[in-house]
mmCIF file of all heavy atoms, coordinates in Angstrom:
data_MODEL
# 
_entry.id   MODEL 
# 
loop_
_atom_site.group_PDB 
_atom_site.id 
_atom_site.type_symbol 
_atom_site.label_atom_id 
_atom_site.label_alt_id 
_atom_site.label_comp_id 
_atom_site.label_asym_id 
_atom_site.label_entity_id 
_atom_site.label_seq_id 
_atom_site.pdbx_PDB_ins_code 
_atom_site.Cartn_x 
_atom_site.Cartn_y 
_atom_site.Cartn_z 
_atom_site.occupancy 
_atom_site.B_iso_or_equiv 
_atom_site.pdbx_formal_charge 
_atom_site.auth_seq_id 
_atom_site.auth_comp_id 
_atom_site.auth_asym_id 
_atom_site.auth_atom_id 
_atom_site.pdbx_PDB_model_num 
ATOM 1   N N   . ARG A 1 1  ? 132.718 117.072 102.553 1.00 0.00 ? 1  ARG A N   1 
ATOM 2   C CA  . ARG A 1 1  ? 131.260 117.013 102.475 1.00 0.00 ? 1  ARG A CA  1 
ATOM 3   C C   . ARG A 1 1  ? 130.808 115.574 102.315 1.00 0.00 ? 1  ARG A C   1 
ATOM 4   O O   . ARG A 1 1  ? 131.335 114.844 101.494 1.00 0.00 ? 1  ARG A O   1 
ATOM 5   C CB  . ARG A 1 1  ? 130.753 117.854 101.302 1.00 0.00 ? 1  ARG A CB  1 
ATOM 6   C CG  . ARG A 1 1  ? 131.006 119.339 101.425 1.00 0.00 ? 1  ARG A CG  1 
ATOM 7   C CD  . ARG A 1 1  ? 130.738 120.038 100.067 1.00 0.00 ? 1  ARG A CD  1 
ATOM 8   N NE  . ARG A 1 1  ? 129.467 119.659 99.513  1.00 0.00 ? 1  ARG A NE  1 
ATOM 9   C CZ  . ARG A 1 1  ? 128.326 120.319 99.710  1.00 0.00 ? 1  ARG A CZ  1 
ATOM 10  N NH1 . ARG A 1 1  ? 128.313 121.386 100.488 1.00 0.00 ? 1  ARG A NH1 1 
ATOM 11  N NH2 . ARG A 1 1  ? 127.203 119.908 99.153  1.00 0.00 ? 1  ARG A NH2 1 
ATOM 12  N N   . ILE A 1 2  ? 129.806 115.199 103.078 1.00 0.00 ? 2  ILE A N   1 
ATOM 13  C CA  . ILE A 1 2  ? 129.261 113.825 102.998 1.00 0.00 ? 2  ILE A CA  1 
ATOM 14  C C   . ILE A 1 2  ? 127.764 113.962 102.698 1.00 0.00 ? 2  ILE A C   1 
ATOM 15  O O   . ILE A 1 2  ? 126.952 114.155 103.629 1.00 0.00 ? 2  ILE A O   1 
ATOM 16  C CB  . ILE A 1 2  ? 129.469 113.058 104.300 1.00 0.00 ? 2  ILE A CB  1 
ATOM 17  C CG1 . ILE A 1 2  ? 130.941 113.062 104.684 1.00 0.00 ? 2  ILE A CG1 1 
ATOM 18  C CG2 . ILE A 1 2  ? 128.940 111.636 104.191 1.00 0.00 ? 2  ILE A CG2 1 
ATOM 19  C CD1 . ILE A 1 2  ? 131.253 112.398 106.006 1.00 0.00 ? 2  ILE A CD1 1 
ATOM 20  N N   . PRO A 1 3  ? 127.382 113.921 101.429 1.00 0.00 ? 3  PRO A N   1 
ATOM 21  C CA  . PRO A 1 3  ? 125.947 114.032 101.099 1.00 0.00 ? 3  PRO A CA  1 
ATOM 22  C C   . PRO A 1 3  ? 125.176 112.816 101.637 1.00 0.00 ? 3  PRO A C   1 
ATOM 23  O O   . PRO A 1 3  ? 125.673 111.700 101.682 1.00 0.00 ? 3  PRO A O   1 
ATOM 24  C CB  . PRO A 1 3  ? 125.932 114.059 99.564  1.00 0.00 ? 3  PRO A CB  1 
ATOM 25  C CG  . PRO A 1 3  ? 127.331 114.391 99.157  1.00 0.00 ? 3  PRO A CG  1 
ATOM 26  C CD  . PRO A 1 3  ? 128.204 113.821 100.230 1.00 0.00 ? 3  PRO A CD  1 
ATOM 27  N N   . ILE A 1 4  ? 123.950 113.080 102.048 1.00 0.00 ? 4  ILE A N   1 
ATOM 28  C CA  . ILE A 1 4  ? 123.054 112.030 102.568 1.00 0.00 ? 4  ILE A CA  1 
ATOM 29  C C   . ILE A 1 4  ? 121.866 111.915 101.630 1.00 0.00 ? 4  ILE A C   1 
ATOM 30  O O   . ILE A 1 4  ? 121.211 112.911 101.305 1.00 0.00 ? 4  ILE A O   1 
ATOM 31  C CB  . ILE A 1 4  ? 122.579 112.369 103.997 1.00 0.00 ? 4  ILE A CB  1 
ATOM 32  C CG1 . ILE A 1 4  ? 123.807 112.492 104.919 1.00 0.00 ? 4  ILE A CG1 1 
ATOM 33  C CG2 . ILE A 1 4  ? 121.637 111.298 104.513 1.00 0.00 ? 4  ILE A CG2 1 
ATOM 34  C CD1 . ILE A 1 4  ? 123.438 112.952 106.306 1.00 0.00 ? 4  ILE A CD1 1 
ATOM 35  N N   . GLN A 1 5  ? 121.612 110.712 101.178 1.00 0.00 ? 5  GLN A N   1 
ATOM 36  C CA  . GLN A 1 5  ? 120.478 110.483 100.275 1.00 0.00 ? 5  GLN A CA  1 
ATOM 37  C C   . GLN A 1 5  ? 119.159 110.757 101.004 1.00 0.00 ? 5  GLN A C   1 
ATOM 38  O O   . GLN A 1 5  ? 118.904 110.214 102.085 1.00 0.00 ? 5  GLN A O   1 
ATOM 39  C CB  . GLN A 1 5  ? 120.507 109.054 99.748  1.00 0.00 ? 5  GLN A CB  1 
ATOM 40  C CG  . GLN A 1 5  ? 119.413 108.758 98.748  1.00 0.00 ? 5  GLN A CG  1 
ATOM 41  C CD  . GLN A 1 5  ? 119.425 107.296 98.315  1.00 0.00 ? 5  GLN A CD  1 
ATOM 42  O OE1 . GLN A 1 5  ? 120.311 106.536 98.749  1.00 0.00 ? 5  GLN A OE1 1 
ATOM 43  N NE2 . GLN A 1 5  ? 118.482 106.897 97.480  1.00 0.00 ? 5  GLN A NE2 1 
ATOM 44  N N   . VAL A 1 6  ? 118.329 111.601 100.402 1.00 0.00 ? 6  VAL A N   1 
ATOM 45  C CA  . VAL A 1 6  ? 117.047 112.014 101.036 1.00 0.00 ? 6  VAL A CA  1 
ATOM 46  C C   . VAL A 1 6  ? 115.949 111.878 100.004 1.00 0.00 ? 6  VAL A C   1 
ATOM 47  O O   . VAL A 1 6  ? 116.109 112.216 98.822  1.00 0.00 ? 6  VAL A O   1 
ATOM 48  C CB  . VAL A 1 6  ? 117.140 113.473 101.542 1.00 0.00 ? 6  VAL A CB  1 
ATOM 49  C CG1 . VAL A 1 6  ? 115.774 113.932 102.064 1.00 0.00 ? 6  VAL A CG1 1 
ATOM 50  C CG2 . VAL A 1 6  ? 118.167 113.582 102.636 1.00 0.00 ? 6  VAL A CG2 1 
ATOM 51  N N   . ASP A 1 7  ? 114.807 111.378 100.454 1.00 0.00 ? 7  ASP A N   1 
ATOM 52  C CA  . ASP A 1 7  ? 113.627 111.230 99.625  1.00 0.00 ? 7  ASP A CA  1 
ATOM 53  C C   . ASP A 1 7  ? 112.530 112.155 100.177 1.00 0.00 ? 7  ASP A C   1 
ATOM 54  O O   . ASP A 1 7  ? 112.327 112.208 101.409 1.00 0.00 ? 7  ASP A O   1 
ATOM 55  C CB  . ASP A 1 7  ? 113.114 109.788 99.599  1.00 0.00 ? 7  ASP A CB  1 
ATOM 56  C CG  . ASP A 1 7  ? 111.873 109.644 98.750  1.00 0.00 ? 7  ASP A CG  1 
ATOM 57  O OD1 . ASP A 1 7  ? 112.008 109.668 97.518  1.00 0.00 ? 7  ASP A OD1 1 
ATOM 58  O OD2 . ASP A 1 7  ? 110.757 109.523 99.312  1.00 0.00 ? 7  ASP A OD2 1 
ATOM 59  N N   . ASN A 1 8  ? 111.877 112.934 99.309  1.00 0.00 ? 8  ASN A N   1 
ATOM 60  C CA  . ASN A 1 8  ? 110.889 113.895 99.707  1.00 0.00 ? 8  ASN A CA  1 
ATOM 61  C C   . ASN A 1 8  ? 109.427 113.438 99.436  1.00 0.00 ? 8  ASN A C   1 
ATOM 62  O O   . ASN A 1 8  ? 108.544 114.290 99.296  1.00 0.00 ? 8  ASN A O   1 
ATOM 63  C CB  . ASN A 1 8  ? 111.129 115.254 99.004  1.00 0.00 ? 8  ASN A CB  1 
ATOM 64  C CG  . ASN A 1 8  ? 112.444 115.867 99.397  1.00 0.00 ? 8  ASN A CG  1 
ATOM 65  O OD1 . ASN A 1 8  ? 112.838 115.807 100.563 1.00 0.00 ? 8  ASN A OD1 1 
ATOM 66  N ND2 . ASN A 1 8  ? 113.126 116.468 98.437  1.00 0.00 ? 8  ASN A ND2 1 
ATOM 67  N N   . THR A 1 9  ? 109.241 112.156 99.382  1.00 0.00 ? 9  THR A N   1 
ATOM 68  C CA  . THR A 1 9  ? 107.865 111.684 99.145  1.00 0.00 ? 9  THR A CA  1 
ATOM 69  C C   . THR A 1 9  ? 106.954 112.080 100.306 1.00 0.00 ? 9  THR A C   1 
ATOM 70  O O   . THR A 1 9  ? 107.252 111.800 101.468 1.00 0.00 ? 9  THR A O   1 
ATOM 71  C CB  . THR A 1 9  ? 107.842 110.142 99.026  1.00 0.00 ? 9  THR A CB  1 
ATOM 72  O OG1 . THR A 1 9  ? 108.706 109.737 97.958  1.00 0.00 ? 9  THR A OG1 1 
ATOM 73  C CG2 . THR A 1 9  ? 106.434 109.630 98.769  1.00 0.00 ? 9  THR A CG2 1 
ATOM 74  N N   . PRO A 1 10 ? 105.836 112.785 100.020 1.00 0.00 ? 10 PRO A N   1 
ATOM 75  C CA  . PRO A 1 10 ? 104.936 113.208 101.111 1.00 0.00 ? 10 PRO A CA  1 
ATOM 76  C C   . PRO A 1 10 ? 104.352 112.001 101.851 1.00 0.00 ? 10 PRO A C   1 
ATOM 77  O O   . PRO A 1 10 ? 104.189 110.917 101.292 1.00 0.00 ? 10 PRO A O   1 
ATOM 78  C CB  . PRO A 1 10 ? 103.857 114.031 100.423 1.00 0.00 ? 10 PRO A CB  1 
ATOM 79  C CG  . PRO A 1 10 ? 104.440 114.382 99.085  1.00 0.00 ? 10 PRO A CG  1 
ATOM 80  C CD  . PRO A 1 10 ? 105.368 113.261 98.719  1.00 0.00 ? 10 PRO A CD  1 
ATOM 81  N N   . LEU A 1 11 ? 104.009 112.229 103.082 1.00 0.00 ? 11 LEU A N   1 
ATOM 82  C CA  . LEU A 1 11 ? 103.407 111.198 103.927 1.00 0.00 ? 11 LEU A CA  1 
ATOM 83  C C   . LEU A 1 11 ? 101.914 111.358 103.860 1.00 0.00 ? 11 LEU A C   1 
ATOM 84  O O   . LEU A 1 11 ? 101.346 112.407 104.261 1.00 0.00 ? 11 LEU A O   1 
ATOM 85  C CB  . LEU A 1 11 ? 103.879 111.322 105.374 1.00 0.00 ? 11 LEU A CB  1 
ATOM 86  C CG  . LEU A 1 11 ? 103.214 110.401 106.388 1.00 0.00 ? 11 LEU A CG  1 
ATOM 87  C CD1 . LEU A 1 11 ? 103.480 108.941 106.027 1.00 0.00 ? 11 LEU A CD1 1 
ATOM 88  C CD2 . LEU A 1 11 ? 103.716 110.710 107.785 1.00 0.00 ? 11 LEU A CD2 1 
ATOM 89  N N   . ARG A 1 12 ? 101.227 110.326 103.360 1.00 0.00 ? 12 ARG A N   1 
ATOM 90  C CA  . ARG A 1 12 ? 99.758  110.338 103.249 1.00 0.00 ? 12 ARG A CA  1 
ATOM 91  C C   . ARG A 1 12 ? 99.165  109.342 104.220 1.00 0.00 ? 12 ARG A C   1 
ATOM 92  O O   . ARG A 1 12 ? 99.598  108.198 104.290 1.00 0.00 ? 12 ARG A O   1 
ATOM 93  C CB  . ARG A 1 12 ? 99.311  110.003 101.823 1.00 0.00 ? 12 ARG A CB  1 
ATOM 94  C CG  . ARG A 1 12 ? 97.802  110.172 101.602 1.00 0.00 ? 12 ARG A CG  1 
ATOM 95  C CD  . ARG A 1 12 ? 97.452  109.959 100.154 1.00 0.00 ? 12 ARG A CD  1 
ATOM 96  N NE  . ARG A 1 12 ? 96.037  110.307 99.907  1.00 0.00 ? 12 ARG A NE  1 
ATOM 97  C CZ  . ARG A 1 12 ? 95.431  110.192 98.714  1.00 0.00 ? 12 ARG A CZ  1 
ATOM 98  N NH1 . ARG A 1 12 ? 96.134  109.760 97.659  1.00 0.00 ? 12 ARG A NH1 1 
ATOM 99  N NH2 . ARG A 1 12 ? 94.168  110.516 98.576  1.00 0.00 ? 12 ARG A NH2 1 
ATOM 100 N N   . ILE A 1 13 ? 98.168  109.820 104.975 1.00 0.00 ? 13 ILE A N   1 
ATOM 101 C CA  . ILE A 1 13 ? 97.534  108.987 106.027 1.00 0.00 ? 13 ILE A CA  1 
ATOM 102 C C   . ILE A 1 13 ? 96.037  109.083 105.837 1.00 0.00 ? 13 ILE A C   1 
ATOM 103 O O   . ILE A 1 13 ? 95.470  110.192 105.761 1.00 0.00 ? 13 ILE A O   1 
ATOM 104 C CB  . ILE A 1 13 ? 97.942  109.463 107.436 1.00 0.00 ? 13 ILE A CB  1 
ATOM 105 C CG1 . ILE A 1 13 ? 99.457  109.380 107.599 1.00 0.00 ? 13 ILE A CG1 1 
ATOM 106 C CG2 . ILE A 1 13 ? 97.250  108.650 108.501 1.00 0.00 ? 13 ILE A CG2 1 
ATOM 107 C CD1 . ILE A 1 13 ? 99.959  109.953 108.898 1.00 0.00 ? 13 ILE A CD1 1 
ATOM 108 N N   . ARG A 1 14 ? 95.379  107.919 105.746 1.00 0.00 ? 14 ARG A N   1 
ATOM 109 C CA  . ARG A 1 14 ? 93.929  107.857 105.587 1.00 0.00 ? 14 ARG A CA  1 
ATOM 110 C C   . ARG A 1 14 ? 93.350  106.930 106.663 1.00 0.00 ? 14 ARG A C   1 
ATOM 111 O O   . ARG A 1 14 ? 94.010  105.999 107.133 1.00 0.00 ? 14 ARG A O   1 
ATOM 112 C CB  . ARG A 1 14 ? 93.547  107.330 104.201 1.00 0.00 ? 14 ARG A CB  1 
ATOM 113 C CG  . ARG A 1 14 ? 93.927  108.264 103.058 1.00 0.00 ? 14 ARG A CG  1 
ATOM 114 C CD  . ARG A 1 14 ? 93.706  107.622 101.715 1.00 0.00 ? 14 ARG A CD  1 
ATOM 115 N NE  . ARG A 1 14 ? 92.334  107.171 101.535 1.00 0.00 ? 14 ARG A NE  1 
ATOM 116 C CZ  . ARG A 1 14 ? 91.337  107.930 101.070 1.00 0.00 ? 14 ARG A CZ  1 
ATOM 117 N NH1 . ARG A 1 14 ? 91.610  109.167 100.711 1.00 0.00 ? 14 ARG A NH1 1 
ATOM 118 N NH2 . ARG A 1 14 ? 90.124  107.440 100.940 1.00 0.00 ? 14 ARG A NH2 1 
ATOM 119 N N   . GLY A 1 15 ? 92.110  107.197 107.040 1.00 0.00 ? 15 GLY A N   1 
ATOM 120 C CA  . GLY A 1 15 ? 91.435  106.335 108.018 1.00 0.00 ? 15 GLY A CA  1 
ATOM 121 C C   . GLY A 1 15 ? 90.051  106.840 108.320 1.00 0.00 ? 15 GLY A C   1 
ATOM 122 O O   . GLY A 1 15 ? 89.647  107.949 107.918 1.00 0.00 ? 15 GLY A O   1 
ATOM 123 N N   . LEU A 1 16 ? 89.286  106.024 109.035 1.00 0.00 ? 16 LEU A N   1 
ATOM 124 C CA  . LEU A 1 16 ? 87.917  106.415 109.419 1.00 0.00 ? 16 LEU A CA  1 
ATOM 125 C C   . LEU A 1 16 ? 87.942  107.437 110.537 1.00 0.00 ? 16 LEU A C   1 
ATOM 126 O O   . LEU A 1 16 ? 88.816  107.394 111.421 1.00 0.00 ? 16 LEU A O   1 
ATOM 127 C CB  . LEU A 1 16 ? 87.125  105.186 109.857 1.00 0.00 ? 16 LEU A CB  1 
ATOM 128 C CG  . LEU A 1 16 ? 86.731  104.201 108.772 1.00 0.00 ? 16 LEU A CG  1 
ATOM 129 C CD1 . LEU A 1 16 ? 85.992  103.003 109.361 1.00 0.00 ? 16 LEU A CD1 1 
ATOM 130 C CD2 . LEU A 1 16 ? 85.853  104.865 107.704 1.00 0.00 ? 16 LEU A CD2 1 
ATOM 131 N N   . VAL A 1 17 ? 87.002  108.368 110.478 1.00 0.00 ? 17 VAL A N   1 
ATOM 132 C CA  . VAL A 1 17 ? 86.903  109.417 111.506 1.00 0.00 ? 17 VAL A CA  1 
ATOM 133 C C   . VAL A 1 17 ? 86.620  108.833 112.864 1.00 0.00 ? 17 VAL A C   1 
ATOM 134 O O   . VAL A 1 17 ? 87.245  109.122 113.871 1.00 0.00 ? 17 VAL A O   1 
ATOM 135 C CB  . VAL A 1 17 ? 85.863  110.450 111.098 1.00 0.00 ? 17 VAL A CB  1 
ATOM 136 C CG1 . VAL A 1 17 ? 85.639  111.438 112.241 1.00 0.00 ? 17 VAL A CG1 1 
ATOM 137 C CG2 . VAL A 1 17 ? 86.276  111.186 109.842 1.00 0.00 ? 17 VAL A CG2 1 
ATOM 138 N N   . GLY A 1 18 ? 85.619  107.902 112.940 1.00 0.00 ? 18 GLY A N   1 
ATOM 139 C CA  . GLY A 1 18 ? 85.264  107.288 114.204 1.00 0.00 ? 18 GLY A CA  1 
ATOM 140 C C   . GLY A 1 18 ? 84.663  108.257 115.188 1.00 0.00 ? 18 GLY A C   1 
ATOM 141 O O   . GLY A 1 18 ? 84.091  109.325 114.808 1.00 0.00 ? 18 GLY A O   1 
ATOM 142 N N   . SER A 1 19 ? 84.783  107.969 116.473 1.00 0.00 ? 19 SER A N   1 
ATOM 143 C CA  . SER A 1 19 ? 84.217  108.811 117.509 1.00 0.00 ? 19 SER A CA  1 
ATOM 144 C C   . SER A 1 19 ? 85.005  110.107 117.718 1.00 0.00 ? 19 SER A C   1 
ATOM 145 O O   . SER A 1 19 ? 84.465  111.088 118.185 1.00 0.00 ? 19 SER A O   1 
ATOM 146 C CB  . SER A 1 19 ? 84.143  108.049 118.832 1.00 0.00 ? 19 SER A CB  1 
ATOM 147 O OG  . SER A 1 19 ? 85.456  107.631 119.230 1.00 0.00 ? 19 SER A OG  1 
ATOM 148 N N   . SER A 1 20 ? 86.295  110.111 117.369 1.00 0.00 ? 20 SER A N   1 
ATOM 149 C CA  . SER A 1 20 ? 87.133  111.305 117.525 1.00 0.00 ? 20 SER A CA  1 
ATOM 150 C C   . SER A 1 20 ? 88.098  111.380 116.367 1.00 0.00 ? 20 SER A C   1 
ATOM 151 O O   . SER A 1 20 ? 88.911  110.459 116.160 1.00 0.00 ? 20 SER A O   1 
ATOM 152 C CB  . SER A 1 20 ? 87.916  111.236 118.855 1.00 0.00 ? 20 SER A CB  1 
ATOM 153 O OG  . SER A 1 20 ? 88.865  112.292 118.926 1.00 0.00 ? 20 SER A OG  1 
ATOM 154 N N   . LEU A 1 21 ? 88.015  112.467 115.601 1.00 0.00 ? 21 LEU A N   1 
ATOM 155 C CA  . LEU A 1 21 ? 88.891  112.625 114.445 1.00 0.00 ? 21 LEU A CA  1 
ATOM 156 C C   . LEU A 1 21 ? 90.340  112.748 114.882 1.00 0.00 ? 21 LEU A C   1 
ATOM 157 O O   . LEU A 1 21 ? 91.250  112.174 114.257 1.00 0.00 ? 21 LEU A O   1 
ATOM 158 C CB  . LEU A 1 21 ? 88.457  113.862 113.641 1.00 0.00 ? 21 LEU A CB  1 
ATOM 159 C CG  . LEU A 1 21 ? 89.324  114.216 112.416 1.00 0.00 ? 21 LEU A CG  1 
ATOM 160 C CD1 . LEU A 1 21 ? 89.434  113.037 111.472 1.00 0.00 ? 21 LEU A CD1 1 
ATOM 161 C CD2 . LEU A 1 21 ? 88.738  115.433 111.702 1.00 0.00 ? 21 LEU A CD2 1 
ATOM 162 N N   . TYR A 1 22 ? 90.593  113.470 115.992 1.00 0.00 ? 22 TYR A N   1 
ATOM 163 C CA  . TYR A 1 22 ? 91.953  113.653 116.456 1.00 0.00 ? 22 TYR A CA  1 
ATOM 164 C C   . TYR A 1 22 ? 92.590  112.323 116.881 1.00 0.00 ? 22 TYR A C   1 
ATOM 165 O O   . TYR A 1 22 ? 93.683  111.982 116.465 1.00 0.00 ? 22 TYR A O   1 
ATOM 166 C CB  . TYR A 1 22 ? 91.984  114.651 117.619 1.00 0.00 ? 22 TYR A CB  1 
ATOM 167 C CG  . TYR A 1 22 ? 93.373  114.912 118.161 1.00 0.00 ? 22 TYR A CG  1 
ATOM 168 C CD1 . TYR A 1 22 ? 94.219  115.848 117.573 1.00 0.00 ? 22 TYR A CD1 1 
ATOM 169 C CD2 . TYR A 1 22 ? 93.836  114.190 119.262 1.00 0.00 ? 22 TYR A CD2 1 
ATOM 170 C CE1 . TYR A 1 22 ? 95.471  116.075 118.078 1.00 0.00 ? 22 TYR A CE1 1 
ATOM 171 C CE2 . TYR A 1 22 ? 95.111  114.416 119.764 1.00 0.00 ? 22 TYR A CE2 1 
ATOM 172 C CZ  . TYR A 1 22 ? 95.929  115.366 119.159 1.00 0.00 ? 22 TYR A CZ  1 
ATOM 173 O OH  . TYR A 1 22 ? 97.182  115.567 119.655 1.00 0.00 ? 22 TYR A OH  1 
ATOM 174 N N   . ARG A 1 23 ? 91.846  111.561 117.726 1.00 0.00 ? 23 ARG A N   1 
ATOM 175 C CA  . ARG A 1 23 ? 92.404  110.275 118.196 1.00 0.00 ? 23 ARG A CA  1 
ATOM 176 C C   . ARG A 1 23 ? 92.577  109.279 117.042 1.00 0.00 ? 23 ARG A C   1 
ATOM 177 O O   . ARG A 1 23 ? 93.556  108.515 117.035 1.00 0.00 ? 23 ARG A O   1 
ATOM 178 C CB  . ARG A 1 23 ? 91.506  109.692 119.272 1.00 0.00 ? 23 ARG A CB  1 
ATOM 179 C CG  . ARG A 1 23 ? 91.567  110.466 120.602 1.00 0.00 ? 23 ARG A CG  1 
ATOM 180 C CD  . ARG A 1 23 ? 90.992  109.634 121.723 1.00 0.00 ? 23 ARG A CD  1 
ATOM 181 N NE  . ARG A 1 23 ? 89.558  109.425 121.552 1.00 0.00 ? 23 ARG A NE  1 
ATOM 182 C CZ  . ARG A 1 23 ? 88.622  110.220 122.086 1.00 0.00 ? 23 ARG A CZ  1 
ATOM 183 N NH1 . ARG A 1 23 ? 88.984  111.237 122.819 1.00 0.00 ? 23 ARG A NH1 1 
ATOM 184 N NH2 . ARG A 1 23 ? 87.346  109.956 121.896 1.00 0.00 ? 23 ARG A NH2 1 
ATOM 185 N N   . SER A 1 24 ? 91.660  109.274 116.091 1.00 0.00 ? 24 SER A N   1 
ATOM 186 C CA  . SER A 1 24 ? 91.760  108.351 114.979 1.00 0.00 ? 24 SER A CA  1 
ATOM 187 C C   . SER A 1 24 ? 92.978  108.694 114.101 1.00 0.00 ? 24 SER A C   1 
ATOM 188 O O   . SER A 1 24 ? 93.698  107.802 113.686 1.00 0.00 ? 24 SER A O   1 
ATOM 189 C CB  . SER A 1 24 ? 90.489  108.400 114.129 1.00 0.00 ? 24 SER A CB  1 
ATOM 190 O OG  . SER A 1 24 ? 89.367  108.014 114.888 1.00 0.00 ? 24 SER A OG  1 
ATOM 191 N N   . ALA A 1 25 ? 93.203  109.994 113.869 1.00 0.00 ? 25 ALA A N   1 
ATOM 192 C CA  . ALA A 1 25 ? 94.338  110.382 113.041 1.00 0.00 ? 25 ALA A CA  1 
ATOM 193 C C   . ALA A 1 25 ? 95.655  110.080 113.767 1.00 0.00 ? 25 ALA A C   1 
ATOM 194 O O   . ALA A 1 25 ? 96.617  109.625 113.140 1.00 0.00 ? 25 ALA A O   1 
ATOM 195 C CB  . ALA A 1 25 ? 94.245  111.863 112.708 1.00 0.00 ? 25 ALA A CB  1 
ATOM 196 N N   . ARG A 1 26 ? 95.700  110.308 115.066 1.00 0.00 ? 26 ARG A N   1 
ATOM 197 C CA  . ARG A 1 26 ? 96.919  110.002 115.820 1.00 0.00 ? 26 ARG A CA  1 
ATOM 198 C C   . ARG A 1 26 ? 97.178  108.515 115.876 1.00 0.00 ? 26 ARG A C   1 
ATOM 199 O O   . ARG A 1 26 ? 98.310  108.069 115.757 1.00 0.00 ? 26 ARG A O   1 
ATOM 200 C CB  . ARG A 1 26 ? 96.800  110.578 117.246 1.00 0.00 ? 26 ARG A CB  1 
ATOM 201 C CG  . ARG A 1 26 ? 96.808  112.076 117.347 1.00 0.00 ? 26 ARG A CG  1 
ATOM 202 C CD  . ARG A 1 26 ? 98.179  112.665 117.094 1.00 0.00 ? 26 ARG A CD  1 
ATOM 203 N NE  . ARG A 1 26 ? 99.099  112.355 118.176 1.00 0.00 ? 26 ARG A NE  1 
ATOM 204 C CZ  . ARG A 1 26 ? 100.339 111.961 118.038 1.00 0.00 ? 26 ARG A CZ  1 
ATOM 205 N NH1 . ARG A 1 26 ? 100.820 111.791 116.812 1.00 0.00 ? 26 ARG A NH1 1 
ATOM 206 N NH2 . ARG A 1 26 ? 101.107 111.718 119.068 1.00 0.00 ? 26 ARG A NH2 1 
ATOM 207 N N   . ALA A 1 27 ? 96.107  107.719 116.007 1.00 0.00 ? 27 ALA A N   1 
ATOM 208 C CA  . ALA A 1 27 ? 96.277  106.273 116.023 1.00 0.00 ? 27 ALA A CA  1 
ATOM 209 C C   . ALA A 1 27 ? 96.748  105.736 114.663 1.00 0.00 ? 27 ALA A C   1 
ATOM 210 O O   . ALA A 1 27 ? 97.419  104.718 114.602 1.00 0.00 ? 27 ALA A O   1 
ATOM 211 C CB  . ALA A 1 27 ? 94.947  105.598 116.414 1.00 0.00 ? 27 ALA A CB  1 
ATOM 212 N N   . ALA A 1 28 ? 96.405  106.460 113.601 1.00 0.00 ? 28 ALA A N   1 
ATOM 213 C CA  . ALA A 1 28 ? 96.827  106.056 112.255 1.00 0.00 ? 28 ALA A CA  1 
ATOM 214 C C   . ALA A 1 28 ? 98.275  106.423 111.993 1.00 0.00 ? 28 ALA A C   1 
ATOM 215 O O   . ALA A 1 28 ? 98.823  106.021 110.948 1.00 0.00 ? 28 ALA A O   1 
ATOM 216 C CB  . ALA A 1 28 ? 95.908  106.675 111.207 1.00 0.00 ? 28 ALA A CB  1 
# 
């Protein structure tokens, strides 16, 4: 067995909505 070190810190992403919420979130 070869354990692999893993971190479970959630990924948080913030940004301005702009003209398109989907495109802004993807760009972030």
